[in-house]
Every structure is written in C-alpha cells, then in structure tokens.
PDB file of N, CA and C in Angstrom:
ATOM      1  N   MET A   1      -4.554   1.806 -41.240  1.00  0.00           N
ATOM      2  CA  MET A   1      -3.390   1.515 -42.059  1.00  0.00           C
ATOM      3  C   MET A   1      -3.186   0.003 -42.110  1.00  0.00           C
ATOM      4  N   ASP A   2      -2.763  -0.477 -43.237  1.00  0.00           N
ATOM      5  CA  ASP A   2      -2.497  -1.896 -43.439  1.00  0.00           C
ATOM      6  C   ASP A   2      -1.328  -2.329 -42.547  1.00  0.00           C
ATOM      7  N   PRO A   3      -1.476  -3.421 -41.794  1.00  0.00           N
ATOM      8  CA  PRO A   3      -0.407  -3.871 -40.892  1.00  0.00           C
ATOM      9  C   PRO A   3       0.930  -4.118 -41.597  1.00  0.00           C
ATOM     10  N   ARG A   4       0.884  -4.611 -42.838  1.00  0.00           N
ATOM     11  CA  ARG A   4       2.141  -4.838 -43.570  1.00  0.00           C
ATOM     12  C   ARG A   4       2.843  -3.522 -43.891  1.00  0.00           C
ATOM     13  N   GLN A   5       2.061  -2.517 -44.281  1.00  0.00           N
ATOM     14  CA  GLN A   5       2.643  -1.201 -44.560  1.00  0.00           C
ATOM     15  C   GLN A   5       3.242  -0.606 -43.287  1.00  0.00           C
ATOM     16  N   LEU A   6       2.521  -0.740 -42.201  1.00  0.00           N
ATOM     17  CA  LEU A   6       2.998  -0.224 -40.925  1.00  0.00           C
ATOM     18  C   LEU A   6       4.312  -0.895 -40.535  1.00  0.00           C
ATOM     19  N   LYS A   7       4.396  -2.209 -40.721  1.00  0.00           N
ATOM     20  CA  LYS A   7       5.616  -2.943 -40.389  1.00  0.00           C
ATOM     21  C   LYS A   7       6.790  -2.455 -41.240  1.00  0.00           C
ATOM     22  N   LYS A   8       6.557  -2.208 -42.541  1.00  0.00           N
ATOM     23  CA  LYS A   8       7.618  -1.730 -43.422  1.00  0.00           C
ATOM     24  C   LYS A   8       8.091  -0.341 -42.997  1.00  0.00           C
ATOM     25  N   ILE A   9       7.148   0.531 -42.646  1.00  0.00           N
ATOM     26  CA  ILE A   9       7.499   1.885 -42.201  1.00  0.00           C
ATOM     27  C   ILE A   9       8.340   1.810 -40.925  1.00  0.00           C
ATOM     28  N   MET A  10       7.912   0.953 -40.005  1.00  0.00           N
ATOM     29  CA  MET A  10       8.643   0.811 -38.742  1.00  0.00           C
ATOM     30  C   MET A  10      10.052   0.280 -38.993  1.00  0.00           C
ATOM     31  N   GLN A  11      10.203  -0.682 -39.894  1.00  0.00           N
ATOM     32  CA  GLN A  11      11.522  -1.219 -40.213  1.00  0.00           C
ATOM     33  C   GLN A  11      12.431  -0.140 -40.786  1.00  0.00           C
ATOM     34  N   ARG A  12      11.880   0.728 -41.665  1.00  0.00           N
ATOM     35  CA  ARG A  12      12.669   1.826 -42.235  1.00  0.00           C
ATOM     36  C   ARG A  12      13.142   2.797 -41.153  1.00  0.00           C
ATOM     37  N   MET A  13      12.327   2.925 -40.102  1.00  0.00           N
ATOM     38  CA  MET A  13      12.679   3.826 -39.003  1.00  0.00           C
ATOM     39  C   MET A  13      13.565   3.144 -37.956  1.00  0.00           C
ATOM     40  N   GLY A  14      13.914   1.877 -38.193  1.00  0.00           N
ATOM     41  CA  GLY A  14      14.762   1.153 -37.254  1.00  0.00           C
ATOM     42  C   GLY A  14      13.994   0.581 -36.072  1.00  0.00           C
ATOM     43  N   MET A  15      12.702   0.345 -36.247  1.00  0.00           N
ATOM     44  CA  MET A  15      11.865  -0.177 -35.169  1.00  0.00           C
ATOM     45  C   MET A  15      11.368  -1.578 -35.506  1.00  0.00           C
ATOM     46  N   SER A  16      11.286  -2.400 -34.476  1.00  0.00           N
ATOM     47  CA  SER A  16      10.650  -3.704 -34.650  1.00  0.00           C
ATOM     48  C   SER A  16       9.858  -4.026 -33.389  1.00  0.00           C
ATOM     49  N   VAL A  17       8.748  -4.717 -33.567  1.00  0.00           N
ATOM     50  CA  VAL A  17       7.893  -5.105 -32.449  1.00  0.00           C
ATOM     51  C   VAL A  17       7.675  -6.608 -32.533  1.00  0.00           C
ATOM     52  N   THR A  18       7.975  -7.296 -31.427  1.00  0.00           N
ATOM     53  CA  THR A  18       7.752  -8.738 -31.363  1.00  0.00           C
ATOM     54  C   THR A  18       7.052  -9.064 -30.053  1.00  0.00           C
ATOM     55  N   GLU A  19       6.384 -10.207 -30.047  1.00  0.00           N
ATOM     56  CA  GLU A  19       5.710 -10.651 -28.831  1.00  0.00           C
ATOM     57  C   GLU A  19       6.476 -11.841 -28.268  1.00  0.00           C
ATOM     58  N   ILE A  20       6.649 -11.866 -26.965  1.00  0.00           N
ATOM     59  CA  ILE A  20       7.264 -13.013 -26.304  1.00  0.00           C
ATOM     60  C   ILE A  20       6.157 -14.037 -26.098  1.00  0.00           C
ATOM     61  N   GLU A  21       6.328 -15.207 -26.654  1.00  0.00           N
ATOM     62  CA  GLU A  21       5.295 -16.242 -26.621  1.00  0.00           C
ATOM     63  C   GLU A  21       5.319 -17.022 -25.311  1.00  0.00           C
ATOM     64  N   ASP A  22       4.169 -17.542 -24.925  1.00  0.00           N
ATOM     65  CA  ASP A  22       4.011 -18.462 -23.793  1.00  0.00           C
ATOM     66  C   ASP A  22       4.529 -17.921 -22.464  1.00  0.00           C
ATOM     67  N   VAL A  23       4.296 -16.645 -22.202  1.00  0.00           N
ATOM     68  CA  VAL A  23       4.698 -16.052 -20.923  1.00  0.00           C
ATOM     69  C   VAL A  23       3.797 -16.615 -19.835  1.00  0.00           C
ATOM     70  N   GLU A  24       4.409 -17.146 -18.786  1.00  0.00           N
ATOM     71  CA  GLU A  24       3.643 -17.734 -17.689  1.00  0.00           C
ATOM     72  C   GLU A  24       3.404 -16.733 -16.558  1.00  0.00           C
ATOM     73  N   GLU A  25       4.421 -15.897 -16.288  1.00  0.00           N
ATOM     74  CA  GLU A  25       4.309 -14.987 -15.157  1.00  0.00           C
ATOM     75  C   GLU A  25       5.333 -13.865 -15.288  1.00  0.00           C
ATOM     76  N   VAL A  26       4.913 -12.655 -14.903  1.00  0.00           N
ATOM     77  CA  VAL A  26       5.813 -11.503 -14.842  1.00  0.00           C
ATOM     78  C   VAL A  26       5.649 -10.913 -13.446  1.00  0.00           C
ATOM     79  N   ILE A  27       6.776 -10.666 -12.758  1.00  0.00           N
ATOM     80  CA  ILE A  27       6.735 -10.095 -11.415  1.00  0.00           C
ATOM     81  C   ILE A  27       7.532  -8.805 -11.401  1.00  0.00           C
ATOM     82  N   ILE A  28       6.908  -7.754 -10.898  1.00  0.00           N
ATOM     83  CA  ILE A  28       7.592  -6.477 -10.692  1.00  0.00           C
ATOM     84  C   ILE A  28       7.656  -6.275  -9.185  1.00  0.00           C
ATOM     85  N   ARG A  29       8.871  -6.128  -8.635  1.00  0.00           N
ATOM     86  CA  ARG A  29       9.053  -5.973  -7.198  1.00  0.00           C
ATOM     87  C   ARG A  29       9.523  -4.561  -6.868  1.00  0.00           C
ATOM     88  N   THR A  30       8.867  -3.976  -5.889  1.00  0.00           N
ATOM     89  CA  THR A  30       9.314  -2.713  -5.308  1.00  0.00           C
ATOM     90  C   THR A  30       9.599  -3.006  -3.836  1.00  0.00           C
ATOM     91  N   PRO A  31      10.151  -2.054  -3.089  1.00  0.00           N
ATOM     92  CA  PRO A  31      10.461  -2.344  -1.684  1.00  0.00           C
ATOM     93  C   PRO A  31       9.273  -2.791  -0.844  1.00  0.00           C
ATOM     94  N   ASP A  32       8.056  -2.354  -1.189  1.00  0.00           N
ATOM     95  CA  ASP A  32       6.919  -2.718  -0.348  1.00  0.00           C
ATOM     96  C   ASP A  32       5.755  -3.399  -1.079  1.00  0.00           C
ATOM     97  N   THR A  33       5.892  -3.634  -2.392  1.00  0.00           N
ATOM     98  CA  THR A  33       4.793  -4.221  -3.157  1.00  0.00           C
ATOM     99  C   THR A  33       5.327  -5.124  -4.264  1.00  0.00           C
ATOM    100  N   GLU A  34       4.575  -6.182  -4.565  1.00  0.00           N
ATOM    101  CA  GLU A  34       4.857  -7.022  -5.728  1.00  0.00           C
ATOM    102  C   GLU A  34       3.645  -6.980  -6.648  1.00  0.00           C
ATOM    103  N   TYR A  35       3.895  -6.844  -7.944  1.00  0.00           N
ATOM    104  CA  TYR A  35       2.856  -6.894  -8.958  1.00  0.00           C
ATOM    105  C   TYR A  35       3.087  -8.178  -9.739  1.00  0.00           C
ATOM    106  N   VAL A  36       2.151  -9.127  -9.620  1.00  0.00           N
ATOM    107  CA  VAL A  36       2.302 -10.430 -10.255  1.00  0.00           C
ATOM    108  C   VAL A  36       1.286 -10.542 -11.390  1.00  0.00           C
ATOM    109  N   PHE A  37       1.801 -10.657 -12.613  1.00  0.00           N
ATOM    110  CA  PHE A  37       0.964 -10.808 -13.798  1.00  0.00           C
ATOM    111  C   PHE A  37       0.994 -12.284 -14.204  1.00  0.00           C
ATOM    112  N   LYS A  38      -0.147 -12.953 -14.143  1.00  0.00           N
ATOM    113  CA  LYS A  38      -0.264 -14.346 -14.606  1.00  0.00           C
ATOM    114  C   LYS A  38      -0.751 -14.307 -16.054  1.00  0.00           C
ATOM    115  N   ASP A  39      -0.196 -15.150 -16.891  1.00  0.00           N
ATOM    116  CA  ASP A  39      -0.596 -15.227 -18.301  1.00  0.00           C
ATOM    117  C   ASP A  39      -0.581 -13.861 -18.980  1.00  0.00           C
ATOM    118  N   ALA A  40       0.461 -13.099 -18.746  1.00  0.00           N
ATOM    119  CA  ALA A  40       0.570 -11.758 -19.328  1.00  0.00           C
ATOM    120  C   ALA A  40       0.975 -11.835 -20.798  1.00  0.00           C
ATOM    121  N   GLU A  41       0.594 -10.815 -21.537  1.00  0.00           N
ATOM    122  CA  GLU A  41       1.069 -10.645 -22.907  1.00  0.00           C
ATOM    123  C   GLU A  41       2.218  -9.650 -22.852  1.00  0.00           C
ATOM    124  N   VAL A  42       3.385 -10.060 -23.336  1.00  0.00           N
ATOM    125  CA  VAL A  42       4.568  -9.204 -23.285  1.00  0.00           C
ATOM    126  C   VAL A  42       5.028  -8.912 -24.708  1.00  0.00           C
ATOM    127  N   THR A  43       5.126  -7.618 -25.008  1.00  0.00           N
ATOM    128  CA  THR A  43       5.565  -7.157 -26.317  1.00  0.00           C
ATOM    129  C   THR A  43       6.894  -6.426 -26.150  1.00  0.00           C
ATOM    130  N   VAL A  44       7.817  -6.678 -27.077  1.00  0.00           N
ATOM    131  CA  VAL A  44       9.121  -6.023 -27.046  1.00  0.00           C
ATOM    132  C   VAL A  44       9.225  -5.102 -28.256  1.00  0.00           C
ATOM    133  N   MET A  45       9.487  -3.824 -28.000  1.00  0.00           N
ATOM    134  CA  MET A  45       9.708  -2.873 -29.080  1.00  0.00           C
ATOM    135  C   MET A  45      11.187  -2.510 -29.073  1.00  0.00           C
ATOM    136  N   ASP A  46      11.844  -2.757 -30.187  1.00  0.00           N
ATOM    137  CA  ASP A  46      13.271  -2.460 -30.323  1.00  0.00           C
ATOM    138  C   ASP A  46      13.412  -1.274 -31.265  1.00  0.00           C
ATOM    139  N   VAL A  47      13.921  -0.164 -30.728  1.00  0.00           N
ATOM    140  CA  VAL A  47      14.140   1.043 -31.520  1.00  0.00           C
ATOM    141  C   VAL A  47      15.634   1.336 -31.499  1.00  0.00           C
ATOM    142  N   LYS A  48      16.293   0.998 -32.588  1.00  0.00           N
ATOM    143  CA  LYS A  48      17.727   1.230 -32.746  1.00  0.00           C
ATOM    144  C   LYS A  48      18.524   0.699 -31.564  1.00  0.00           C
ATOM    145  N   GLY A  49      18.217  -0.527 -31.155  1.00  0.00           N
ATOM    146  CA  GLY A  49      18.962  -1.183 -30.084  1.00  0.00           C
ATOM    147  C   GLY A  49      18.422  -0.954 -28.681  1.00  0.00           C
ATOM    148  N   GLN A  50      17.532  -0.005 -28.513  1.00  0.00           N
ATOM    149  CA  GLN A  50      16.924   0.270 -27.208  1.00  0.00           C
ATOM    150  C   GLN A  50      15.616  -0.508 -27.115  1.00  0.00           C
ATOM    151  N   LYS A  51      15.542  -1.448 -26.149  1.00  0.00           N
ATOM    152  CA  LYS A  51      14.352  -2.286 -26.032  1.00  0.00           C
ATOM    153  C   LYS A  51      13.428  -1.773 -24.937  1.00  0.00           C
ATOM    154  N   THR A  52      12.132  -1.788 -25.265  1.00  0.00           N
ATOM    155  CA  THR A  52      11.081  -1.426 -24.325  1.00  0.00           C
ATOM    156  C   THR A  52      10.125  -2.598 -24.237  1.00  0.00           C
ATOM    157  N   TYR A  53       9.793  -2.974 -23.003  1.00  0.00           N
ATOM    158  CA  TYR A  53       8.886  -4.099 -22.779  1.00  0.00           C
ATOM    159  C   TYR A  53       7.534  -3.575 -22.322  1.00  0.00           C
ATOM    160  N   GLN A  54       6.472  -4.082 -22.940  1.00  0.00           N
ATOM    161  CA  GLN A  54       5.114  -3.698 -22.573  1.00  0.00           C
ATOM    162  C   GLN A  54       4.403  -4.940 -22.057  1.00  0.00           C
ATOM    163  N   ILE A  55       3.811  -4.813 -20.874  1.00  0.00           N
ATOM    164  CA  ILE A  55       3.094  -5.922 -20.252  1.00  0.00           C
ATOM    165  C   ILE A  55       1.610  -5.603 -20.278  1.00  0.00           C
ATOM    166  N   ALA A  56       0.823  -6.538 -20.806  1.00  0.00           N
ATOM    167  CA  ALA A  56      -0.625  -6.372 -20.817  1.00  0.00           C
ATOM    168  C   ALA A  56      -1.239  -7.498 -19.988  1.00  0.00           C
ATOM    169  N   GLY A  57      -2.097  -7.111 -19.071  1.00  0.00           N
ATOM    170  CA  GLY A  57      -2.750  -8.085 -18.208  1.00  0.00           C
ATOM    171  C   GLY A  57      -3.113  -7.421 -16.894  1.00  0.00           C
ATOM    172  N   LYS A  58      -3.822  -8.141 -16.072  1.00  0.00           N
ATOM    173  CA  LYS A  58      -4.251  -7.596 -14.784  1.00  0.00           C
ATOM    174  C   LYS A  58      -3.362  -8.181 -13.690  1.00  0.00           C
ATOM    175  N   PRO A  59      -2.671  -7.318 -12.931  1.00  0.00           N
ATOM    176  CA  PRO A  59      -1.776  -7.836 -11.901  1.00  0.00           C
ATOM    177  C   PRO A  59      -2.505  -8.159 -10.600  1.00  0.00           C
ATOM    178  N   GLU A  60      -1.937  -9.115  -9.881  1.00  0.00           N
ATOM    179  CA  GLU A  60      -2.322  -9.344  -8.494  1.00  0.00           C
ATOM    180  C   GLU A  60      -1.338  -8.493  -7.686  1.00  0.00           C
ATOM    181  N   ILE A  61      -1.847  -7.623  -6.836  1.00  0.00           N
ATOM    182  CA  ILE A  61      -0.986  -6.718  -6.071  1.00  0.00           C
ATOM    183  C   ILE A  61      -0.805  -7.289  -4.676  1.00  0.00           C
ATOM    184  N   ILE A  62       0.451  -7.530  -4.315  1.00  0.00           N
ATOM    185  CA  ILE A  62       0.778  -8.129  -3.024  1.00  0.00           C
ATOM    186  C   ILE A  62       1.617  -7.138  -2.230  1.00  0.00           C
ATOM    187  N   LYS A  63       1.093  -6.716  -1.091  1.00  0.00           N
ATOM    188  CA  LYS A  63       1.830  -5.803  -0.212  1.00  0.00           C
ATOM    189  C   LYS A  63       2.774  -6.627   0.651  1.00  0.00           C
ATOM    190  N   LYS A  64       4.032  -6.205   0.729  1.00  0.00           N
ATOM    191  CA  LYS A  64       5.001  -6.885   1.583  1.00  0.00           C
ATOM    192  C   LYS A  64       4.886  -6.341   3.002  1.00  0.00           C
ATOM    193  N   VAL A  65       5.117  -7.215   3.961  1.00  0.00           N
ATOM    194  CA  VAL A  65       5.055  -6.822   5.362  1.00  0.00           C
ATOM    195  C   VAL A  65       6.457  -6.492   5.834  1.00  0.00           C
ATOM    196  N   ASN A  66       6.602  -5.334   6.451  1.00  0.00           N
ATOM    197  CA  ASN A  66       7.878  -4.914   7.016  1.00  0.00           C
ATOM    198  C   ASN A  66       8.156  -5.788   8.241  1.00  0.00           C
ATOM    199  N   GLU A  67       9.323  -6.420   8.270  1.00  0.00           N
ATOM    200  CA  GLU A  67       9.665  -7.334   9.369  1.00  0.00           C
ATOM    201  C   GLU A  67       9.740  -6.619  10.714  1.00  0.00           C
ATOM    202  N   ASP A  68      10.231  -5.388  10.739  1.00  0.00           N
ATOM    203  CA  ASP A  68      10.285  -4.635  11.998  1.00  0.00           C
ATOM    204  C   ASP A  68       8.878  -4.372  12.519  1.00  0.00           C
ATOM    205  N   ASP A  69       7.951  -4.081  11.605  1.00  0.00           N
ATOM    206  CA  ASP A  69       6.555  -3.875  12.003  1.00  0.00           C
ATOM    207  C   ASP A  69       5.962  -5.166  12.561  1.00  0.00           C
ATOM    208  N   ALA A  70       6.267  -6.294  11.915  1.00  0.00           N
ATOM    209  CA  ALA A  70       5.752  -7.584  12.381  1.00  0.00           C
ATOM    210  C   ALA A  70       6.291  -7.912  13.771  1.00  0.00           C
ATOM    211  N   LYS A  71       7.568  -7.623  14.007  1.00  0.00           N
ATOM    212  CA  LYS A  71       8.161  -7.867  15.333  1.00  0.00           C
ATOM    213  C   LYS A  71       7.500  -6.986  16.390  1.00  0.00           C
ATOM    214  N   LEU A  72       7.251  -5.736  16.046  1.00  0.00           N
ATOM    215  CA  LEU A  72       6.607  -4.815  16.981  1.00  0.00           C
ATOM    216  C   LEU A  72       5.196  -5.288  17.333  1.00  0.00           C
ATOM    217  N   VAL A  73       4.425  -5.685  16.330  1.00  0.00           N
ATOM    218  CA  VAL A  73       3.061  -6.161  16.574  1.00  0.00           C
ATOM    219  C   VAL A  73       3.089  -7.429  17.420  1.00  0.00           C
ATOM    220  N   ALA A  74       4.004  -8.347  17.128  1.00  0.00           N
ATOM    221  CA  ALA A  74       4.111  -9.584  17.914  1.00  0.00           C
ATOM    222  C   ALA A  74       4.485  -9.269  19.362  1.00  0.00           C
ATOM    223  N   GLU A  75       5.407  -8.345  19.539  1.00  0.00           N
ATOM    224  CA  GLU A  75       5.842  -7.962  20.885  1.00  0.00           C
ATOM    225  C   GLU A  75       4.706  -7.322  21.686  1.00  0.00           C
ATOM    226  N   LYS A  76       3.972  -6.428  21.060  1.00  0.00           N
ATOM    227  CA  LYS A  76       2.903  -5.700  21.754  1.00  0.00           C
ATOM    228  C   LYS A  76       1.691  -6.578  22.064  1.00  0.00           C
ATOM    229  N   THR A  77       1.470  -7.624  21.263  1.00  0.00           N
ATOM    230  CA  THR A  77       0.278  -8.449  21.453  1.00  0.00           C
ATOM    231  C   THR A  77       0.567  -9.800  22.106  1.00  0.00           C
ATOM    232  N   GLY A  78       1.838 -10.165  22.158  1.00  0.00           N
ATOM    233  CA  GLY A  78       2.183 -11.473  22.710  1.00  0.00           C
ATOM    234  C   GLY A  78       1.889 -12.624  21.759  1.00  0.00           C
ATOM    235  N   LYS A  79       1.648 -12.302  20.501  1.00  0.00           N
ATOM    236  CA  LYS A  79       1.351 -13.322  19.478  1.00  0.00           C
ATOM    237  C   LYS A  79       2.629 -13.702  18.747  1.00  0.00           C
ATOM    238  N   SER A  80       2.537 -14.753  17.933  1.00  0.00           N
ATOM    239  CA  SER A  80       3.696 -15.195  17.152  1.00  0.00           C
ATOM    240  C   SER A  80       3.956 -14.219  16.007  1.00  0.00           C
ATOM    241  N   ILE A  81       5.162 -14.279  15.469  1.00  0.00           N
ATOM    242  CA  ILE A  81       5.537 -13.410  14.347  1.00  0.00           C
ATOM    243  C   ILE A  81       4.670 -13.726  13.127  1.00  0.00           C
ATOM    244  N   GLU A  82       4.299 -14.992  12.938  1.00  0.00           N
ATOM    245  CA  GLU A  82       3.447 -15.378  11.811  1.00  0.00           C
ATOM    246  C   GLU A  82       2.053 -14.760  11.946  1.00  0.00           C
ATOM    247  N   GLU A  83       1.513 -14.786  13.177  1.00  0.00           N
ATOM    248  CA  GLU A  83       0.201 -14.179  13.404  1.00  0.00           C
ATOM    249  C   GLU A  83       0.270 -12.666  13.186  1.00  0.00           C
ATOM    250  N   ALA A  84       1.372 -12.059  13.614  1.00  0.00           N
ATOM    251  CA  ALA A  84       1.556 -10.618  13.433  1.00  0.00           C
ATOM    252  C   ALA A  84       1.636 -10.263  11.954  1.00  0.00           C
ATOM    253  N   ARG A  85       2.371 -11.062  11.160  1.00  0.00           N
ATOM    254  CA  ARG A  85       2.475 -10.825   9.723  1.00  0.00           C
ATOM    255  C   ARG A  85       1.095 -10.902   9.070  1.00  0.00           C
ATOM    256  N   LYS A  86       0.333 -11.938   9.429  1.00  0.00           N
ATOM    257  CA  LYS A  86      -0.999 -12.116   8.843  1.00  0.00           C
ATOM    258  C   LYS A  86      -1.904 -10.934   9.194  1.00  0.00           C
ATOM    259  N   ALA A  87      -1.844 -10.491  10.453  1.00  0.00           N
ATOM    260  CA  ALA A  87      -2.668  -9.350  10.873  1.00  0.00           C
ATOM    261  C   ALA A  87      -2.265  -8.083  10.122  1.00  0.00           C
ATOM    262  N   LEU A  88      -0.977  -7.887   9.905  1.00  0.00           N
ATOM    263  CA  LEU A  88      -0.505  -6.722   9.149  1.00  0.00           C
ATOM    264  C   LEU A  88      -0.964  -6.797   7.694  1.00  0.00           C
ATOM    265  N   GLU A  89      -0.924  -7.981   7.099  1.00  0.00           N
ATOM    266  CA  GLU A  89      -1.395  -8.140   5.716  1.00  0.00           C
ATOM    267  C   GLU A  89      -2.872  -7.787   5.620  1.00  0.00           C
ATOM    268  N   GLU A  90      -3.657  -8.275   6.569  1.00  0.00           N
ATOM    269  CA  GLU A  90      -5.093  -8.010   6.559  1.00  0.00           C
ATOM    270  C   GLU A  90      -5.399  -6.534   6.813  1.00  0.00           C
ATOM    271  N   ALA A  91      -4.498  -5.853   7.548  1.00  0.00           N
ATOM    272  CA  ALA A  91      -4.690  -4.434   7.866  1.00  0.00           C
ATOM    273  C   ALA A  91      -3.953  -3.531   6.880  1.00  0.00           C
ATOM    274  N   ASP A  92      -3.490  -4.093   5.767  1.00  0.00           N
ATOM    275  CA  ASP A  92      -2.742  -3.328   4.754  1.00  0.00           C
ATOM    276  C   ASP A  92      -1.570  -2.562   5.354  1.00  0.00           C
ATOM    277  N   GLY A  93      -0.873  -3.198   6.291  1.00  0.00           N
ATOM    278  CA  GLY A  93       0.330  -2.604   6.869  1.00  0.00           C
ATOM    279  C   GLY A  93       0.081  -1.638   8.006  1.00  0.00           C
ATOM    280  N   ASP A  94      -1.170  -1.436   8.395  1.00  0.00           N
ATOM    281  CA  ASP A  94      -1.512  -0.517   9.486  1.00  0.00           C
ATOM    282  C   ASP A  94      -1.206  -1.195  10.822  1.00  0.00           C
ATOM    283  N   ILE A  95      -0.156  -0.735  11.502  1.00  0.00           N
ATOM    284  CA  ILE A  95       0.313  -1.353  12.744  1.00  0.00           C
ATOM    285  C   ILE A  95      -0.753  -1.290  13.828  1.00  0.00           C
ATOM    286  N   ALA A  96      -1.357  -0.128  14.013  1.00  0.00           N
ATOM    287  CA  ALA A  96      -2.363   0.028  15.062  1.00  0.00           C
ATOM    288  C   ALA A  96      -3.541  -0.902  14.832  1.00  0.00           C
ATOM    289  N   GLN A  97      -4.012  -0.985  13.595  1.00  0.00           N
ATOM    290  CA  GLN A  97      -5.139  -1.878  13.279  1.00  0.00           C
ATOM    291  C   GLN A  97      -4.760  -3.327  13.511  1.00  0.00           C
ATOM    292  N   ALA A  98      -3.542  -3.722  13.165  1.00  0.00           N
ATOM    293  CA  ALA A  98      -3.090  -5.103  13.372  1.00  0.00           C
ATOM    294  C   ALA A  98      -3.060  -5.432  14.865  1.00  0.00           C
ATOM    295  N   ILE A  99      -2.559  -4.498  15.678  1.00  0.00           N
ATOM    296  CA  ILE A  99      -2.514  -4.703  17.137  1.00  0.00           C
ATOM    297  C   ILE A  99      -3.928  -4.835  17.697  1.00  0.00           C
ATOM    298  N   ILE A 100      -4.829  -3.965  17.265  1.00  0.00           N
ATOM    299  CA  ILE A 100      -6.218  -4.005  17.741  1.00  0.00           C
ATOM    300  C   ILE A 100      -6.873  -5.338  17.367  1.00  0.00           C
ATOM    301  N   SER A 101      -6.668  -5.779  16.122  1.00  0.00           N
ATOM    302  CA  SER A 101      -7.315  -7.027  15.677  1.00  0.00           C
ATOM    303  C   SER A 101      -6.780  -8.240  16.417  1.00  0.00           C
ATOM    304  N   LEU A 102      -5.510  -8.232  16.787  1.00  0.00           N
ATOM    305  CA  LEU A 102      -4.939  -9.361  17.528  1.00  0.00           C
ATOM    306  C   LEU A 102      -5.266  -9.301  19.015  1.00  0.00           C
ATOM    307  N   SER A 103      -5.561  -8.115  19.511  1.00  0.00           N
ATOM    308  CA  SER A 103      -5.845  -7.949  20.937  1.00  0.00           C
ATOM    309  C   SER A 103      -7.310  -8.228  21.295  1.00  0.00           C
ATOM    310  N   SER A 104      -8.172  -8.224  20.290  1.00  0.00           N
ATOM    311  CA  SER A 104      -9.597  -8.420  20.604  1.00  0.00           C
ATOM    312  C   SER A 104     -10.026  -9.847  20.410  1.00  0.00           C
TER     313      SER A 104
END
C-alpha cells in the first residue's frame, strides 16, 4: 500500500504515528533489572488520545544487585561490600557462587 494512502486512512481512523528524533538513550527499570537502549528508534502511535511508544534497538541488560545479598556475601567472606557486589554481578546474583568465588 502507498504510504500516503496509509497515512490518510490512519488519520480518518484517528491514528497518527510519529518518530521521536535524536533519541540518545531509553532506560526501562524493573526491581532487579535495567534495560538500556543506546541510540534507540522511538515511535509514538496516538490513537484517539491514547499514546503507545515503540522502542526499536538492542538493549544492554543490567542486573541489579540486592544490597542485602551483597551484605551477606561480604559478611560470610570477610570482603568489602564493593567486592561482594562485583562477585554477585559476575555470578548473576547467585549468592553461593559469589561466596565460593570470593573464598577461593
């Protein structure tokens, strides 16, 4: 279908699609993970006042370290909290693996 025809049909239905230009970064945060999109393409679809955002790009996935877990690993190994956090990050949050890696 011709893009101009498609745009006219969408307008008649109360829809519009626009792209947000020059997006540098999009971050989605959950309690235990961050999804960081660098140079993402962001499209906004507005359907009768309801906006939907579409993100295109490959995210960098960052797992957050639970502070209580980091304190436990530091306590059990005698290492600093920073070393415990790093070990937990490398072990993908696995407390036992972090303790083993710091103890050996």
